Amino acid sequence: MSPTQVAEVRRVQHEQVLEKQRLRAAKEREEQEWDRQRQADARCAQLVERQEGRLRKRLVTDQALTNQQLSQEQKARKEHMDKAVYTNQPSETFFAQFNSSTR
C-alpha cells in the first residue's frame, strides 16, 4: 500500500474510533438520564404512598370518632327509652276496656 492509502486507512480508523467514543458517550448520557428519571419516579411514588398512608390513617381516625359518637347517641337513646318510655305498666283499667261491649 502506498503511504497515502495507509494514511487514509489510519484517518478512517481514527474517525471510526471517534464515532464509537461519541456513540458510547451518548449512550452513557441516555442511561444517566433514564436513571435520573427512575429515581425521580421512585421519589414521587414514595411521596404518593406516604400521602395515601396519612389519608388512610386520618380516615380511620375519623371513622373511629364517628363510630364513638354514634355509639354514645345510641346508648343515650336506649337509656331514654328504658327509663322514660318503657316504664308505664298497663293498669287494670287498660285491660278492662277490652271485650266489654259488642258491636
Protein backbone atom coordinates (compact mmCIF):
# COMPACT_ATOMS: atom_id res chain seq x y z
CA MET A 1 0.00 0.00 0.00
CA SER A 2 1.15 3.46 -0.72
CA PRO A 3 1.75 5.96 2.05
CA THR A 4 -1.38 7.91 1.06
CA GLN A 5 -3.51 4.78 1.29
CA VAL A 6 -2.02 3.95 4.68
CA ALA A 7 -2.72 7.50 5.82
CA GLU A 8 -6.28 7.24 4.51
CA VAL A 9 -6.81 3.92 6.35
CA ARG A 10 -5.47 5.44 9.58
CA ARG A 11 -7.68 8.51 9.12
CA VAL A 12 -10.77 6.33 8.61
CA GLN A 13 -9.83 4.20 11.62
CA HIS A 14 -9.38 7.34 13.71
CA GLU A 15 -12.81 8.60 12.58
CA GLN A 16 -14.32 5.24 13.49
CA VAL A 17 -12.74 5.39 16.94
CA LEU A 18 -14.07 8.92 17.44
CA GLU A 19 -17.52 7.90 16.23
CA LYS A 20 -17.54 4.91 18.60
CA GLN A 21 -16.48 7.16 21.50
CA ARG A 22 -19.21 9.64 20.60
CA LEU A 23 -21.83 6.87 20.47
CA ARG A 24 -20.61 5.43 23.79
CA ALA A 25 -20.80 8.88 25.41
CA ALA A 26 -24.30 9.45 24.01
CA LYS A 27 -25.43 6.05 25.28
CA GLU A 28 -23.95 6.78 28.70
CA ARG A 29 -25.75 10.15 28.85
CA GLU A 30 -29.01 8.46 27.87
CA GLU A 31 -28.56 5.81 30.59
CA GLN A 32 -27.84 8.53 33.15
CA GLU A 33 -30.98 10.36 32.08
CA TRP A 34 -33.01 7.17 32.44
CA ASP A 35 -31.51 6.60 35.89
CA ARG A 36 -32.43 10.14 36.94
CA GLN A 37 -35.94 9.61 35.63
CA ARG A 38 -36.30 6.30 37.52
CA GLN A 39 -35.07 7.94 40.71
CA ALA A 40 -37.49 10.83 40.28
CA ASP A 41 -40.34 8.37 39.67
CA ALA A 42 -39.37 6.38 42.76
CA ARG A 43 -39.33 9.56 44.89
CA CYS A 44 -42.70 10.58 43.51
CA ALA A 45 -44.18 7.13 44.17
CA GLN A 46 -42.81 7.21 47.71
CA LEU A 47 -44.38 10.62 48.33
CA VAL A 48 -47.71 9.40 46.98
CA GLU A 49 -47.56 6.32 49.23
CA ARG A 50 -46.82 8.48 52.26
CA GLN A 51 -49.69 10.80 51.41
CA GLU A 52 -52.05 7.84 50.94
CA GLY A 53 -50.90 6.43 54.27
CA ARG A 54 -51.61 9.71 56.03
CA LEU A 55 -55.01 9.93 54.34
CA ARG A 56 -55.83 6.33 55.28
CA LYS A 57 -54.81 6.99 58.88
CA ARG A 58 -56.95 10.13 59.01
CA LEU A 59 -59.93 8.27 57.56
CA VAL A 60 -59.57 5.50 60.14
CA THR A 61 -59.37 8.08 62.93
CA ASP A 62 -62.40 9.96 61.59
CA GLN A 63 -64.38 6.75 61.27
CA ALA A 64 -63.48 5.69 64.82
CA LEU A 65 -64.60 9.09 66.12
CA THR A 66 -67.86 8.89 64.19
CA ASN A 67 -68.49 5.37 65.45
CA GLN A 68 -67.84 6.50 69.02
CA GLN A 69 -70.30 9.38 68.63
CA LEU A 70 -72.93 7.08 67.14
CA SER A 71 -72.40 4.63 69.98
CA GLN A 72 -72.93 7.35 72.57
CA GLU A 73 -76.08 8.56 70.80
CA GLN A 74 -77.43 5.01 70.62
CA LYS A 75 -76.66 4.43 74.29
CA ALA A 76 -78.38 7.69 75.28
CA ARG A 77 -81.41 6.82 73.15
CA LYS A 78 -81.64 3.35 74.72
CA GLU A 79 -81.37 4.79 78.23
CA HIS A 80 -84.16 7.27 77.42
CA MET A 81 -86.35 4.51 76.05
CA ASP A 82 -85.69 2.26 79.05
CA LYS A 83 -86.19 4.98 81.67
CA ALA A 84 -88.95 7.12 80.16
CA VAL A 85 -90.88 5.25 77.51
CA TYR A 86 -90.94 1.65 78.71
CA THR A 87 -91.72 2.43 82.36
CA ASN A 88 -95.50 2.70 82.11
CA GLN A 89 -97.01 -0.64 83.03
CA PRO A 90 -100.58 -1.08 81.85
CA SER A 91 -103.12 -0.93 84.65
CA GLU A 92 -106.28 -2.98 85.19
CA THR A 93 -108.42 -0.22 83.66
CA PHE A 94 -106.46 -0.57 80.43
CA PHE A 95 -107.27 -4.26 80.20
CA ALA A 96 -110.85 -3.77 81.43
CA GLN A 97 -111.80 -1.79 78.33
CA PHE A 98 -111.39 -4.81 76.06
CA ASN A 99 -114.21 -7.29 75.47
CA SER A 100 -116.62 -5.13 77.40
CA SER A 101 -119.11 -4.41 74.65
CA THR A 102 -120.39 -5.79 71.41
CA ARG A 103 -120.62 -4.02 68.18
